[in-house]
């Protein structure tokens, strides 16, 4: 059964990456020249990385569904055209790790 879940996660990530690439080409016709942060991509990245690292905090929804959504949103962000989505991903990983550290009690174990 575990192999089925892993296959679902891989498939959802690939679908998200393809969708992110298509949306990125539709939005940005030029090569990477825009250096500001895209708010929608940032929100999707934060939600995806938050769900990936902190899915245990949401107990009323199955973790398979939460992880599938996380991999889809991460795929949307990472799968964009080269150069786009990297700052959003870095900010989202930082926020998700900070939330994980604060909620897991990692700092207070020492």
PDB file of N, CA and C in Angstrom:
ATOM      1  N   UNK A   1       0.815  -1.191   0.000  1.00  0.00           N
ATOM      2  CA  UNK A   1       0.000   0.000   0.000  1.00  0.00           C
ATOM      3  C   UNK A   1       0.864   1.263   0.000  1.00  0.00           C
ATOM      4  N   UNK A   2       2.000   1.184   0.647  1.00  0.00           N
ATOM      5  CA  UNK A   2       2.915   2.323   0.694  1.00  0.00           C
ATOM      6  C   UNK A   2       3.420   2.685  -0.700  1.00  0.00           C
ATOM      7  N   UNK A   3       3.641   1.681  -1.551  1.00  0.00           N
ATOM      8  CA  UNK A   3       4.106   1.949  -2.914  1.00  0.00           C
ATOM      9  C   UNK A   3       3.062   2.723  -3.714  1.00  0.00           C
ATOM     10  N   UNK A   4       1.793   2.443  -3.463  1.00  0.00           N
ATOM     11  CA  UNK A   4       0.720   3.160  -4.147  1.00  0.00           C
ATOM     12  C   UNK A   4       0.738   4.640  -3.771  1.00  0.00           C
ATOM     13  N   UNK A   5       0.930   4.931  -2.492  1.00  0.00           N
ATOM     14  CA  UNK A   5       0.989   6.327  -2.048  1.00  0.00           C
ATOM     15  C   UNK A   5       2.180   7.048  -2.657  1.00  0.00           C
ATOM     16  N   UNK A   6       3.315   6.383  -2.707  1.00  0.00           N
ATOM     17  CA  UNK A   6       4.502   7.001  -3.305  1.00  0.00           C
ATOM     18  C   UNK A   6       4.262   7.270  -4.789  1.00  0.00           C
ATOM     19  N   UNK A   7       3.620   6.339  -5.478  1.00  0.00           N
ATOM     20  CA  UNK A   7       3.301   6.540  -6.890  1.00  0.00           C
ATOM     21  C   UNK A   7       2.340   7.715  -7.075  1.00  0.00           C
ATOM     22  N   UNK A   8       1.362   7.841  -6.187  1.00  0.00           N
ATOM     23  CA  UNK A   8       0.432   8.973  -6.252  1.00  0.00           C
ATOM     24  C   UNK A   8       1.181  10.282  -6.059  1.00  0.00           C
ATOM     25  N   UNK A   9       2.089  10.330  -5.081  1.00  0.00           N
ATOM     26  CA  UNK A   9       2.851  11.558  -4.819  1.00  0.00           C
ATOM     27  C   UNK A   9       3.714  11.938  -6.025  1.00  0.00           C
ATOM     28  N   UNK A  10       4.357  10.960  -6.632  1.00  0.00           N
ATOM     29  CA  UNK A  10       5.198  11.235  -7.806  1.00  0.00           C
ATOM     30  C   UNK A  10       4.342  11.734  -8.964  1.00  0.00           C
ATOM     31  N   UNK A  11       3.213  11.092  -9.183  1.00  0.00           N
ATOM     32  CA  UNK A  11       2.318  11.490 -10.272  1.00  0.00           C
ATOM     33  C   UNK A  11       1.770  12.895 -10.065  1.00  0.00           C
ATOM     34  N   UNK A  12       1.360  13.204  -8.848  1.00  0.00           N
ATOM     35  CA  UNK A  12       0.819  14.532  -8.550  1.00  0.00           C
ATOM     36  C   UNK A  12       1.901  15.594  -8.706  1.00  0.00           C
ATOM     37  N   UNK A  13       3.137  15.299  -8.287  1.00  0.00           N
ATOM     38  CA  UNK A  13       4.233  16.252  -8.446  1.00  0.00           C
ATOM     39  C   UNK A  13       4.521  16.510  -9.928  1.00  0.00           C
ATOM     40  N   UNK A  14       4.512  15.459 -10.739  1.00  0.00           N
ATOM     41  CA  UNK A  14       4.757  15.622 -12.177  1.00  0.00           C
ATOM     42  C   UNK A  14       3.642  16.440 -12.825  1.00  0.00           C
ATOM     43  N   UNK A  15       2.397  16.165 -12.460  1.00  0.00           N
ATOM     44  CA  UNK A  15       1.279  16.944 -12.999  1.00  0.00           C
ATOM     45  C   UNK A  15       1.399  18.407 -12.583  1.00  0.00           C
ATOM     46  N   UNK A  16       1.772  18.655 -11.328  1.00  0.00           N
ATOM     47  CA  UNK A  16       1.967  20.024 -10.869  1.00  0.00           C
ATOM     48  C   UNK A  16       3.104  20.722 -11.590  1.00  0.00           C
ATOM     49  N   UNK A  17       4.186  20.000 -11.852  1.00  0.00           N
ATOM     50  CA  UNK A  17       5.317  20.595 -12.568  1.00  0.00           C
ATOM     51  C   UNK A  17       4.942  20.964 -13.998  1.00  0.00           C
ATOM     52  N   UNK A  18       4.210  20.087 -14.665  1.00  0.00           N
ATOM     53  CA  UNK A  18       3.778  20.379 -16.037  1.00  0.00           C
ATOM     54  C   UNK A  18       2.810  21.558 -16.048  1.00  0.00           C
ATOM     55  N   UNK A  19       1.877  21.574 -15.103  1.00  0.00           N
ATOM     56  CA  UNK A  19       0.935  22.697 -15.031  1.00  0.00           C
ATOM     57  C   UNK A  19       1.662  24.001 -14.720  1.00  0.00           C
ATOM     58  N   UNK A  20       2.651  23.956 -13.832  1.00  0.00           N
ATOM     59  CA  UNK A  20       3.429  25.152 -13.524  1.00  0.00           C
ATOM     60  C   UNK A  20       4.204  25.657 -14.719  1.00  0.00           C
ATOM     61  N   UNK A  21       4.773  24.747 -15.497  1.00  0.00           N
ATOM     62  CA  UNK A  21       5.507  25.147 -16.692  1.00  0.00           C
ATOM     63  C   UNK A  21       4.573  25.776 -17.727  1.00  0.00           C
ATOM     64  N   UNK A  22       3.410  25.176 -17.929  1.00  0.00           N
ATOM     65  CA  UNK A  22       2.454  25.731 -18.888  1.00  0.00           C
ATOM     66  C   UNK A  22       1.947  27.103 -18.449  1.00  0.00           C
ATOM     67  N   UNK A  23       1.630  27.240 -17.167  1.00  0.00           N
ATOM     68  CA  UNK A  23       1.174  28.538 -16.668  1.00  0.00           C
ATOM     69  C   UNK A  23       2.272  29.581 -16.746  1.00  0.00           C
ATOM     70  N   UNK A  24       3.498  29.172 -16.486  1.00  0.00           N
ATOM     71  CA  UNK A  24       4.620  30.105 -16.535  1.00  0.00           C
ATOM     72  C   UNK A  24       4.867  30.589 -17.958  1.00  0.00           C
ATOM     73  N   UNK A  25       4.789  29.695 -18.930  1.00  0.00           N
ATOM     74  CA  UNK A  25       4.975  30.109 -20.322  1.00  0.00           C
ATOM     75  C   UNK A  25       3.831  31.001 -20.794  1.00  0.00           C
ATOM     76  N   UNK A  26       2.633  30.779 -20.267  1.00  0.00           N
ATOM     77  CA  UNK A  26       1.513  31.631 -20.641  1.00  0.00           C
ATOM     78  C   UNK A  26       1.665  33.028 -20.034  1.00  0.00           C
ATOM     79  N   UNK A  27       2.201  33.100 -18.815  1.00  0.00           N
ATOM     80  CA  UNK A  27       2.325  34.384 -18.121  1.00  0.00           C
ATOM     81  C   UNK A  27       3.566  35.158 -18.551  1.00  0.00           C
ATOM     82  N   UNK A  28       4.694  34.471 -18.715  1.00  0.00           N
ATOM     83  CA  UNK A  28       5.966  35.127 -19.042  1.00  0.00           C
ATOM     84  C   UNK A  28       6.426  34.657 -20.417  1.00  0.00           C
ATOM     85  N   UNK A  29       6.275  35.497 -21.401  1.00  0.00           N
ATOM     86  CA  UNK A  29       6.698  35.132 -22.752  1.00  0.00           C
ATOM     87  C   UNK A  29       8.192  35.364 -22.962  1.00  0.00           C
ATOM     88  N   UNK A  30       8.794  36.178 -22.121  1.00  0.00           N
ATOM     89  CA  UNK A  30      10.204  36.526 -22.279  1.00  0.00           C
ATOM     90  C   UNK A  30      11.071  35.647 -21.373  1.00  0.00           C
ATOM     91  N   UNK A  31      12.383  35.595 -21.632  1.00  0.00           N
ATOM     92  CA  UNK A  31      13.286  34.882 -20.723  1.00  0.00           C
ATOM     93  C   UNK A  31      13.277  35.549 -19.348  1.00  0.00           C
ATOM     94  N   UNK A  32      13.965  34.954 -18.412  1.00  0.00           N
ATOM     95  CA  UNK A  32      13.947  35.444 -17.031  1.00  0.00           C
ATOM     96  C   UNK A  32      14.525  36.847 -16.950  1.00  0.00           C
ATOM     97  N   UNK A  33      13.656  37.818 -16.755  1.00  0.00           N
ATOM     98  CA  UNK A  33      14.109  39.197 -16.562  1.00  0.00           C
ATOM     99  C   UNK A  33      13.397  39.857 -15.394  1.00  0.00           C
ATOM    100  N   UNK A  34      12.325  39.259 -14.929  1.00  0.00           N
ATOM    101  CA  UNK A  34      11.551  39.846 -13.837  1.00  0.00           C
ATOM    102  C   UNK A  34      12.104  39.308 -12.523  1.00  0.00           C
ATOM    103  N   UNK A  35      12.531  40.214 -11.648  1.00  0.00           N
ATOM    104  CA  UNK A  35      13.163  39.753 -10.413  1.00  0.00           C
ATOM    105  C   UNK A  35      12.290  39.977  -9.184  1.00  0.00           C
ATOM    106  N   UNK A  36      11.048  40.438  -9.350  1.00  0.00           N
ATOM    107  CA  UNK A  36      10.199  40.605  -8.177  1.00  0.00           C
ATOM    108  C   UNK A  36       9.481  39.295  -7.862  1.00  0.00           C
ATOM    109  N   UNK A  37       8.990  39.213  -6.644  1.00  0.00           N
ATOM    110  CA  UNK A  37       8.325  37.996  -6.188  1.00  0.00           C
ATOM    111  C   UNK A  37       6.869  38.011  -6.656  1.00  0.00           C
ATOM    112  N   UNK A  38       6.440  36.909  -7.246  1.00  0.00           N
ATOM    113  CA  UNK A  38       5.054  36.739  -7.671  1.00  0.00           C
ATOM    114  C   UNK A  38       4.240  36.286  -6.458  1.00  0.00           C
ATOM    115  N   UNK A  39       3.215  37.045  -6.100  1.00  0.00           N
ATOM    116  CA  UNK A  39       2.462  36.793  -4.873  1.00  0.00           C
ATOM    117  C   UNK A  39       1.712  35.464  -4.940  1.00  0.00           C
ATOM    118  N   UNK A  40       1.077  35.165  -6.059  1.00  0.00           N
ATOM    119  CA  UNK A  40       0.336  33.910  -6.181  1.00  0.00           C
ATOM    120  C   UNK A  40       1.267  32.706  -6.062  1.00  0.00           C
ATOM    121  N   UNK A  41       2.408  32.772  -6.711  1.00  0.00           N
ATOM    122  CA  UNK A  41       3.379  31.678  -6.620  1.00  0.00           C
ATOM    123  C   UNK A  41       3.910  31.544  -5.201  1.00  0.00           C
ATOM    124  N   UNK A  42       4.119  32.664  -4.532  1.00  0.00           N
ATOM    125  CA  UNK A  42       4.588  32.628  -3.148  1.00  0.00           C
ATOM    126  C   UNK A  42       3.564  31.968  -2.235  1.00  0.00           C
ATOM    127  N   UNK A  43       2.298  32.299  -2.402  1.00  0.00           N
ATOM    128  CA  UNK A  43       1.246  31.695  -1.580  1.00  0.00           C
ATOM    129  C   UNK A  43       1.162  30.192  -1.836  1.00  0.00           C
ATOM    130  N   UNK A  44       1.215  29.786  -3.103  1.00  0.00           N
ATOM    131  CA  UNK A  44       1.177  28.355  -3.426  1.00  0.00           C
ATOM    132  C   UNK A  44       2.384  27.622  -2.846  1.00  0.00           C
ATOM    133  N   UNK A  45       3.552  28.249  -2.907  1.00  0.00           N
ATOM    134  CA  UNK A  45       4.759  27.626  -2.363  1.00  0.00           C
ATOM    135  C   UNK A  45       4.676  27.507  -0.847  1.00  0.00           C
ATOM    136  N   UNK A  46       4.194  28.551  -0.175  1.00  0.00           N
ATOM    137  CA  UNK A  46       4.075  28.495   1.284  1.00  0.00           C
ATOM    138  C   UNK A  46       3.092  27.412   1.696  1.00  0.00           C
ATOM    139  N   UNK A  47       1.949  27.347   1.035  1.00  0.00           N
ATOM    140  CA  UNK A  47       0.962  26.308   1.358  1.00  0.00           C
ATOM    141  C   UNK A  47       1.548  24.922   1.113  1.00  0.00           C
ATOM    142  N   UNK A  48       2.223  24.737  -0.014  1.00  0.00           N
ATOM    143  CA  UNK A  48       2.798  23.431  -0.335  1.00  0.00           C
ATOM    144  C   UNK A  48       3.853  22.988   0.659  1.00  0.00           C
ATOM    145  N   UNK A  49       4.816  23.853   0.941  1.00  0.00           N
ATOM    146  CA  UNK A  49       5.881  23.468   1.872  1.00  0.00           C
ATOM    147  C   UNK A  49       5.362  23.349   3.298  1.00  0.00           C
ATOM    148  N   UNK A  50       4.379  24.185   3.681  1.00  0.00           N
ATOM    149  CA  UNK A  50       3.777  24.056   5.003  1.00  0.00           C
ATOM    150  C   UNK A  50       3.092  22.701   5.146  1.00  0.00           C
ATOM    151  N   UNK A  51       2.313  22.315   4.137  1.00  0.00           N
ATOM    152  CA  UNK A  51       1.633  21.021   4.203  1.00  0.00           C
ATOM    153  C   UNK A  51       2.620  19.860   4.194  1.00  0.00           C
ATOM    154  N   UNK A  52       3.712  19.992   3.458  1.00  0.00           N
ATOM    155  CA  UNK A  52       4.692  18.909   3.408  1.00  0.00           C
ATOM    156  C   UNK A  52       5.361  18.702   4.761  1.00  0.00           C
ATOM    157  N   UNK A  53       5.767  19.784   5.395  1.00  0.00           N
ATOM    158  CA  UNK A  53       6.509  19.658   6.649  1.00  0.00           C
ATOM    159  C   UNK A  53       5.614  19.590   7.879  1.00  0.00           C
ATOM    160  N   UNK A  54       4.398  20.112   7.799  1.00  0.00           N
ATOM    161  CA  UNK A  54       3.543  20.218   8.981  1.00  0.00           C
ATOM    162  C   UNK A  54       2.182  19.560   8.799  1.00  0.00           C
ATOM    163  N   UNK A  55       2.085  18.539   7.979  1.00  0.00           N
ATOM    164  CA  UNK A  55       0.783  17.910   7.726  1.00  0.00           C
ATOM    165  C   UNK A  55       0.226  17.232   8.963  1.00  0.00           C
ATOM    166  N   UNK A  56       1.063  16.933   9.927  1.00  0.00           N
ATOM    167  CA  UNK A  56       0.590  16.321  11.167  1.00  0.00           C
ATOM    168  C   UNK A  56      -0.207  17.267  12.042  1.00  0.00           C
ATOM    169  N   UNK A  57      -0.089  18.560  11.822  1.00  0.00           N
ATOM    170  CA  UNK A  57      -0.844  19.537  12.605  1.00  0.00           C
ATOM    171  C   UNK A  57      -2.314  19.567  12.226  1.00  0.00           C
ATOM    172  N   UNK A  58      -2.624  19.092  11.039  1.00  0.00           N
ATOM    173  CA  UNK A  58      -4.011  19.094  10.560  1.00  0.00           C
ATOM    174  C   UNK A  58      -4.511  17.656  10.654  1.00  0.00           C
ATOM    175  N   UNK A  59      -5.191  17.347  11.739  1.00  0.00           N
ATOM    176  CA  UNK A  59      -5.566  15.969  12.013  1.00  0.00           C
ATOM    177  C   UNK A  59      -6.873  15.516  11.408  1.00  0.00           C
ATOM    178  N   UNK A  60      -7.702  16.436  10.953  1.00  0.00           N
ATOM    179  CA  UNK A  60      -9.030  16.054  10.482  1.00  0.00           C
ATOM    180  C   UNK A  60      -9.079  15.730   8.993  1.00  0.00           C
ATOM    181  N   UNK A  61      -7.951  15.855   8.295  1.00  0.00           N
ATOM    182  CA  UNK A  61      -7.868  15.494   6.875  1.00  0.00           C
ATOM    183  C   UNK A  61      -6.786  14.428   6.729  1.00  0.00           C
ATOM    184  N   UNK A  62      -7.018  13.462   5.881  1.00  0.00           N
ATOM    185  CA  UNK A  62      -6.064  12.374   5.672  1.00  0.00           C
ATOM    186  C   UNK A  62      -4.707  12.917   5.217  1.00  0.00           C
ATOM    187  N   UNK A  63      -3.651  12.326   5.745  1.00  0.00           N
ATOM    188  CA  UNK A  63      -2.311  12.793   5.381  1.00  0.00           C
ATOM    189  C   UNK A  63      -1.997  12.513   3.911  1.00  0.00           C
ATOM    190  N   UNK A  64      -2.619  11.510   3.322  1.00  0.00           N
ATOM    191  CA  UNK A  64      -2.407  11.231   1.900  1.00  0.00           C
ATOM    192  C   UNK A  64      -2.936  12.393   1.058  1.00  0.00           C
ATOM    193  N   UNK A  65      -4.089  12.916   1.416  1.00  0.00           N
ATOM    194  CA  UNK A  65      -4.655  14.054   0.689  1.00  0.00           C
ATOM    195  C   UNK A  65      -3.801  15.293   0.894  1.00  0.00           C
ATOM    196  N   UNK A  66      -3.380  15.537   2.131  1.00  0.00           N
ATOM    197  CA  UNK A  66      -2.561  16.720   2.413  1.00  0.00           C
ATOM    198  C   UNK A  66      -1.219  16.656   1.696  1.00  0.00           C
ATOM    199  N   UNK A  67      -0.586  15.489   1.702  1.00  0.00           N
ATOM    200  CA  UNK A  67       0.701  15.359   1.025  1.00  0.00           C
ATOM    201  C   UNK A  67       0.547  15.453  -0.492  1.00  0.00           C
ATOM    202  N   UNK A  68      -0.557  14.946  -1.019  1.00  0.00           N
ATOM    203  CA  UNK A  68      -0.796  15.081  -2.462  1.00  0.00           C
ATOM    204  C   UNK A  68      -0.960  16.545  -2.851  1.00  0.00           C
ATOM    205  N   UNK A  69      -1.716  17.298  -2.057  1.00  0.00           N
ATOM    206  CA  UNK A  69      -1.845  18.734  -2.307  1.00  0.00           C
ATOM    207  C   UNK A  69      -0.503  19.437  -2.179  1.00  0.00           C
ATOM    208  N   UNK A  70       0.278  19.044  -1.176  1.00  0.00           N
ATOM    209  CA  UNK A  70       1.592  19.661  -0.976  1.00  0.00           C
ATOM    210  C   UNK A  70       2.488  19.430  -2.181  1.00  0.00           C
ATOM    211  N   UNK A  71       2.561  18.204  -2.660  1.00  0.00           N
ATOM    212  CA  UNK A  71       3.416  17.919  -3.813  1.00  0.00           C
ATOM    213  C   UNK A  71       2.911  18.612  -5.079  1.00  0.00           C
ATOM    214  N   UNK A  72       1.597  18.756  -5.219  1.00  0.00           N
ATOM    215  CA  UNK A  72       1.063  19.472  -6.380  1.00  0.00           C
ATOM    216  C   UNK A  72       1.464  20.945  -6.339  1.00  0.00           C
ATOM    217  N   UNK A  73       1.293  21.591  -5.182  1.00  0.00           N
ATOM    218  CA  UNK A  73       1.646  23.011  -5.068  1.00  0.00           C
ATOM    219  C   UNK A  73       3.145  23.233  -5.194  1.00  0.00           C
ATOM    220  N   UNK A  74       3.940  22.331  -4.638  1.00  0.00           N
ATOM    221  CA  UNK A  74       5.396  22.448  -4.780  1.00  0.00           C
ATOM    222  C   UNK A  74       5.787  22.252  -6.243  1.00  0.00           C
ATOM    223  N   UNK A  75       5.151  21.304  -6.908  1.00  0.00           N
ATOM    224  CA  UNK A  75       5.419  21.095  -8.333  1.00  0.00           C
ATOM    225  C   UNK A  75       5.042  22.301  -9.170  1.00  0.00           C
ATOM    226  N   UNK A  76       3.929  22.962  -8.823  1.00  0.00           N
ATOM    227  CA  UNK A  76       3.543  24.181  -9.535  1.00  0.00           C
ATOM    228  C   UNK A  76       4.615  25.255  -9.408  1.00  0.00           C
ATOM    229  N   UNK A  77       5.209  25.358  -8.234  1.00  0.00           N
ATOM    230  CA  UNK A  77       6.206  26.402  -7.996  1.00  0.00           C
ATOM    231  C   UNK A  77       7.549  26.044  -8.608  1.00  0.00           C
ATOM    232  N   UNK A  78       8.006  24.834  -8.391  1.00  0.00           N
ATOM    233  CA  UNK A  78       9.329  24.428  -8.874  1.00  0.00           C
ATOM    234  C   UNK A  78       9.320  24.217 -10.388  1.00  0.00           C
ATOM    235  N   UNK A  79       8.189  23.826 -10.937  1.00  0.00           N
ATOM    236  CA  UNK A  79       8.119  23.504 -12.356  1.00  0.00           C
ATOM    237  C   UNK A  79       8.005  24.695 -13.279  1.00  0.00           C
ATOM    238  N   UNK A  80       8.147  25.884 -12.773  1.00  0.00           N
ATOM    239  CA  UNK A  80       8.038  27.071 -13.623  1.00  0.00           C
ATOM    240  C   UNK A  80       9.253  27.193 -14.527  1.00  0.00           C
ATOM    241  N   UNK A  81       9.219  28.170 -15.423  1.00  0.00           N
ATOM    242  CA  UNK A  81      10.350  28.403 -16.334  1.00  0.00           C
ATOM    243  C   UNK A  81      11.620  28.640 -15.532  1.00  0.00           C
ATOM    244  N   UNK A  82      12.784  28.357 -16.121  1.00  0.00           N
ATOM    245  CA  UNK A  82      14.045  28.553 -15.400  1.00  0.00           C
ATOM    246  C   UNK A  82      14.189  29.982 -14.890  1.00  0.00           C
ATOM    247  N   UNK A  83      14.473  30.099 -13.604  1.00  0.00           N
ATOM    248  CA  UNK A  83      14.644  31.395 -12.966  1.00  0.00           C
ATOM    249  C   UNK A  83      13.425  31.842 -12.192  1.00  0.00           C
ATOM    250  N   UNK A  84      12.240  31.484 -12.661  1.00  0.00           N
ATOM    251  CA  UNK A  84      11.016  31.883 -11.980  1.00  0.00           C
ATOM    252  C   UNK A  84      10.680  30.867 -10.895  1.00  0.00           C
ATOM    253  N   UNK A  85      10.245  31.347  -9.736  1.00  0.00           N
ATOM    254  CA  UNK A  85       9.814  30.474  -8.653  1.00  0.00           C
ATOM    255  C   UNK A  85      10.889  30.115  -7.655  1.00  0.00           C
ATOM    256  N   UNK A  86      12.135  30.482  -7.900  1.00  0.00           N
ATOM    257  CA  UNK A  86      13.195  30.080  -6.970  1.00  0.00           C
ATOM    258  C   UNK A  86      13.175  30.900  -5.690  1.00  0.00           C
ATOM    259  N   UNK A  87      12.926  32.208  -5.783  1.00  0.00           N
ATOM    260  CA  UNK A  87      12.851  33.033  -4.573  1.00  0.00           C
ATOM    261  C   UNK A  87      11.623  32.664  -3.748  1.00  0.00           C
ATOM    262  N   UNK A  88      10.521  32.401  -4.408  1.00  0.00           N
ATOM    263  CA  UNK A  88       9.302  32.004  -3.714  1.00  0.00           C
ATOM    264  C   UNK A  88       9.501  30.685  -2.976  1.00  0.00           C
ATOM    265  N   UNK A  89      10.210  29.749  -3.611  1.00  0.00           N
ATOM    266  CA  UNK A  89      10.478  28.461  -2.980  1.00  0.00           C
ATOM    267  C   UNK A  89      11.367  28.627  -1.755  1.00  0.00           C
ATOM    268  N   UNK A  90      12.387  29.455  -1.845  1.00  0.00           N
ATOM    269  CA  UNK A  90      13.292  29.672  -0.713  1.00  0.00           C
ATOM    270  C   UNK A  90      12.559  30.306   0.465  1.00  0.00           C
ATOM    271  N   UNK A  91      11.732  31.299   0.197  1.00  0.00           N
ATOM    272  CA  UNK A  91      10.967  31.947   1.267  1.00  0.00           C
ATOM    273  C   UNK A  91       9.991  30.957   1.892  1.00  0.00           C
ATOM    274  N   UNK A  92       9.328  30.156   1.075  1.00  0.00           N
ATOM    275  CA  UNK A  92       8.355  29.190   1.574  1.00  0.00           C
ATOM    276  C   UNK A  92       9.014  28.111   2.421  1.00  0.00           C
ATOM    277  N   UNK A  93      10.169  27.616   2.006  1.00  0.00           N
ATOM    278  CA  UNK A  93      10.877  26.609   2.803  1.00  0.00           C
ATOM    279  C   UNK A  93      11.268  27.204   4.147  1.00  0.00           C
ATOM    280  N   UNK A  94      11.758  28.437   4.155  1.00  0.00           N
ATOM    281  CA  UNK A  94      12.146  29.092   5.404  1.00  0.00           C
ATOM    282  C   UNK A  94      10.951  29.210   6.349  1.00  0.00           C
ATOM    283  N   UNK A  95       9.816  29.672   5.840  1.00  0.00           N
ATOM    284  CA  UNK A  95       8.625  29.831   6.682  1.00  0.00           C
ATOM    285  C   UNK A  95       8.145  28.483   7.207  1.00  0.00           C
ATOM    286  N   UNK A  96       8.118  27.465   6.356  1.00  0.00           N
ATOM    287  CA  UNK A  96       7.652  26.141   6.777  1.00  0.00           C
ATOM    288  C   UNK A  96       8.576  25.530   7.824  1.00  0.00           C
ATOM    289  N   UNK A  97       9.882  25.724   7.676  1.00  0.00           N
ATOM    290  CA  UNK A  97      10.833  25.191   8.663  1.00  0.00           C
ATOM    291  C   UNK A  97      10.683  25.919   9.991  1.00  0.00           C
ATOM    292  N   UNK A  98      10.491  27.233   9.960  1.00  0.00           N
ATOM    293  CA  UNK A  98      10.296  27.990  11.203  1.00  0.00           C
ATOM    294  C   UNK A  98       9.037  27.516  11.920  1.00  0.00           C
ATOM    295  N   UNK A  99       7.948  27.329  11.193  1.00  0.00           N
ATOM    296  CA  UNK A  99       6.715  26.825  11.803  1.00  0.00           C
ATOM    297  C   UNK A  99       6.936  25.428  12.356  1.00  0.00           C
ATOM    298  N   UNK A 100       7.651  24.580  11.630  1.00  0.00           N
ATOM    299  CA  UNK A 100       7.926  23.225  12.113  1.00  0.00           C
ATOM    300  C   UNK A 100       8.739  23.256  13.400  1.00  0.00           C
ATOM    301  N   UNK A 101       9.757  24.098  13.452  1.00  0.00           N
ATOM    302  CA  UNK A 101      10.594  24.195  14.654  1.00  0.00           C
ATOM    303  C   UNK A 101       9.771  24.694  15.835  1.00  0.00           C
ATOM    304  N   UNK A 102       8.930  25.691  15.613  1.00  0.00           N
ATOM    305  CA  UNK A 102       8.130  26.240  16.704  1.00  0.00           C
ATOM    306  C   UNK A 102       7.069  25.269  17.204  1.00  0.00           C
ATOM    307  N   UNK A 103       6.497  24.462  16.333  1.00  0.00           N
ATOM    308  CA  UNK A 103       5.430  23.550  16.746  1.00  0.00           C
ATOM    309  C   UNK A 103       5.933  22.190  17.205  1.00  0.00           C
ATOM    310  N   UNK A 104       7.138  21.818  16.835  1.00  0.00           N
ATOM    311  CA  UNK A 104       7.629  20.488  17.211  1.00  0.00           C
ATOM    312  C   UNK A 104       8.324  20.480  18.557  1.00  0.00           C
ATOM    313  N   UNK A 105       8.652  21.628  19.088  1.00  0.00           N
ATOM    314  CA  UNK A 105       9.389  21.672  20.340  1.00  0.00           C
ATOM    315  C   UNK A 105      10.846  21.325  20.171  1.00  0.00           C
ATOM    316  N   UNK A 106      11.355  21.423  18.960  1.00  0.00           N
ATOM    317  CA  UNK A 106      12.740  21.065  18.664  1.00  0.00           C
ATOM    318  C   UNK A 106      13.720  21.917  19.455  1.00  0.00           C
ATOM    319  N   UNK A 107      13.417  23.187  19.651  1.00  0.00           N
ATOM    320  CA  UNK A 107      14.324  24.089  20.368  1.00  0.00           C
ATOM    321  C   UNK A 107      14.393  23.777  21.852  1.00  0.00           C
ATOM    322  N   UNK A 108      13.347  23.196  22.401  1.00  0.00           N
ATOM    323  CA  UNK A 108      13.269  22.994  23.842  1.00  0.00           C
ATOM    324  C   UNK A 108      13.728  21.616  24.288  1.00  0.00           C
ATOM    325  N   UNK A 109      14.216  20.784  23.387  1.00  0.00           N
ATOM    326  CA  UNK A 109      14.668  19.439  23.747  1.00  0.00           C
ATOM    327  C   UNK A 109      16.048  19.437  24.366  1.00  0.00           C
ATOM    328  N   UNK A 110      16.816  20.493  24.154  1.00  0.00           N
ATOM    329  CA  UNK A 110      18.193  20.497  24.631  1.00  0.00           C
ATOM    330  C   UNK A 110      18.282  21.027  26.022  1.00  0.00           C
TER     331      UNK A 110
END
